[in-house]
Amino acid sequence: MNKILIILLALCLNLISIQVLAKTNTTPATKTTLETISLSIPKMSCPACPIIVKKALKKVSGVTKVTTDLVKQNATVTFDPKKTDKDKIKEATKNAGFPSSVIAEDSDKL
């Protein structure tokens, strides 16, 4: 009887160690390439404008970061090009009442 209990205990410990290894031995995450664009938005003229633009841009699927600047009348948008593109981003500002144009582009490896 003791031998059976020892064998069962050994099997349980072996299964537990396999499960722990399976959870900790994951494949490394693939690097995502994000793009960043700067938009000129000349119709931003009051303190509420950048808030409206930022909200519209954050609703676009794939957009990960948005900063707006009322004084410079621009926005900087970081996004996943697999989920969205520059045209959809520009369309979002246009639909919010603030047509925009791309003034700078950059891509980052994360």
Protein backbone atom coordinates (compact mmCIF):
# COMPACT_ATOMS: atom_id res chain seq x y z
CA MET A 1 0.00 0.00 0.00
CA ASN A 2 2.83 2.44 0.85
CA LYS A 3 4.53 1.73 -2.48
CA ILE A 4 1.34 2.61 -4.37
CA LEU A 5 0.98 5.88 -2.48
CA ILE A 6 4.60 6.78 -3.17
CA ILE A 7 4.16 6.04 -6.89
CA LEU A 8 0.95 8.11 -7.05
CA LEU A 9 2.62 10.97 -5.22
CA ALA A 10 5.58 10.85 -7.61
CA LEU A 11 3.23 10.91 -10.62
CA CYS A 12 1.31 13.88 -9.23
CA LEU A 13 4.50 15.83 -8.59
CA ASN A 14 5.69 15.03 -12.10
CA LEU A 15 2.42 16.30 -13.62
CA ILE A 16 2.58 19.48 -11.55
CA SER A 17 6.15 20.19 -12.64
CA ILE A 18 5.20 19.64 -16.30
CA GLN A 19 2.32 22.12 -15.97
CA VAL A 20 4.56 24.71 -14.32
CA LEU A 21 7.16 24.35 -17.07
CA ALA A 22 4.50 24.63 -19.75
CA LYS A 23 3.25 27.91 -18.27
CA THR A 24 6.70 29.48 -17.87
CA ASN A 25 8.20 28.23 -21.11
CA THR A 26 6.33 30.46 -23.55
CA THR A 27 7.63 31.59 -26.87
CA PRO A 28 9.04 35.13 -26.97
CA ALA A 29 6.66 37.81 -28.15
CA THR A 30 7.14 38.94 -31.70
CA LYS A 31 8.13 42.55 -32.19
CA THR A 32 5.35 44.82 -33.33
CA THR A 33 6.19 47.63 -35.67
CA LEU A 34 4.28 50.75 -34.79
CA GLU A 35 4.12 53.85 -36.92
CA THR A 36 3.94 57.43 -35.73
CA ILE A 37 2.61 60.28 -37.82
CA SER A 38 2.23 63.98 -37.16
CA LEU A 39 -0.86 65.68 -38.47
CA SER A 40 -1.39 69.33 -39.24
CA ILE A 41 -4.86 70.34 -38.06
CA PRO A 42 -5.26 74.06 -38.84
CA LYS A 43 -8.92 74.30 -37.71
CA MET A 44 -8.00 73.64 -34.05
CA SER A 45 -8.58 77.08 -32.56
CA CYS A 46 -10.05 76.74 -29.06
CA PRO A 47 -9.21 74.71 -25.93
CA ALA A 48 -11.96 72.18 -26.69
CA CYS A 49 -10.64 71.38 -30.18
CA PRO A 50 -7.67 69.21 -29.15
CA ILE A 51 -9.93 67.24 -26.80
CA ILE A 52 -12.42 66.53 -29.59
CA VAL A 53 -9.62 65.52 -31.98
CA LYS A 54 -7.96 63.28 -29.40
CA LYS A 55 -11.22 61.48 -28.60
CA ALA A 56 -11.92 60.92 -32.30
CA LEU A 57 -8.43 59.53 -32.92
CA LYS A 58 -8.51 57.22 -29.89
CA LYS A 59 -11.66 55.59 -31.27
CA VAL A 60 -9.76 54.37 -34.34
CA SER A 61 -8.88 50.69 -33.95
CA GLY A 62 -5.10 50.25 -33.80
CA VAL A 63 -4.30 53.72 -32.47
CA THR A 64 -2.14 53.29 -29.37
CA LYS A 65 -1.18 56.86 -28.46
CA VAL A 66 -2.40 60.37 -29.30
CA THR A 67 -1.01 63.74 -28.30
CA THR A 68 -2.43 67.05 -29.47
CA ASP A 69 -1.05 70.57 -29.37
CA LEU A 70 -3.38 73.53 -29.74
CA VAL A 71 -0.60 76.11 -30.14
CA LYS A 72 1.10 74.18 -32.96
CA GLN A 73 -2.26 73.01 -34.33
CA ASN A 74 -1.07 69.44 -34.70
CA ALA A 75 -1.47 65.92 -33.38
CA THR A 76 0.96 63.04 -33.11
CA VAL A 77 -0.55 59.58 -33.53
CA THR A 78 1.10 56.21 -32.89
CA PHE A 79 -0.69 53.24 -34.42
CA ASP A 80 -0.42 49.61 -35.51
CA PRO A 81 -0.33 49.58 -39.33
CA LYS A 82 -1.78 46.06 -39.31
CA LYS A 83 -5.00 47.46 -37.82
CA THR A 84 -5.35 50.90 -39.38
CA ASP A 85 -3.69 53.31 -41.79
CA LYS A 86 -3.07 57.02 -42.32
CA ASP A 87 -6.20 57.49 -44.40
CA LYS A 88 -8.46 56.12 -41.64
CA ILE A 89 -6.74 58.36 -39.12
CA LYS A 90 -7.20 61.42 -41.32
CA GLU A 91 -10.82 60.40 -41.92
CA ALA A 92 -11.42 60.32 -38.15
CA THR A 93 -10.26 63.92 -37.74
CA LYS A 94 -12.29 65.00 -40.77
CA ASN A 95 -15.44 63.32 -39.40
CA ALA A 96 -14.88 65.16 -36.11
CA GLY A 97 -14.88 68.46 -38.04
CA PHE A 98 -11.11 68.92 -38.23
CA PRO A 99 -9.58 68.02 -41.61
CA SER A 100 -5.90 67.10 -41.31
CA SER A 101 -2.86 66.36 -43.41
CA VAL A 102 0.22 64.27 -42.65
CA ILE A 103 3.31 66.41 -42.02
CA ALA A 104 5.75 63.76 -40.70
CA GLU A 105 6.09 59.99 -40.49
CA ASP A 106 8.18 57.63 -38.41
CA SER A 107 8.15 53.94 -37.48
CA ASP A 108 9.25 52.38 -34.19
CA LYS A 109 10.25 48.83 -33.39
CA LEU A 110 8.92 47.77 -30.02
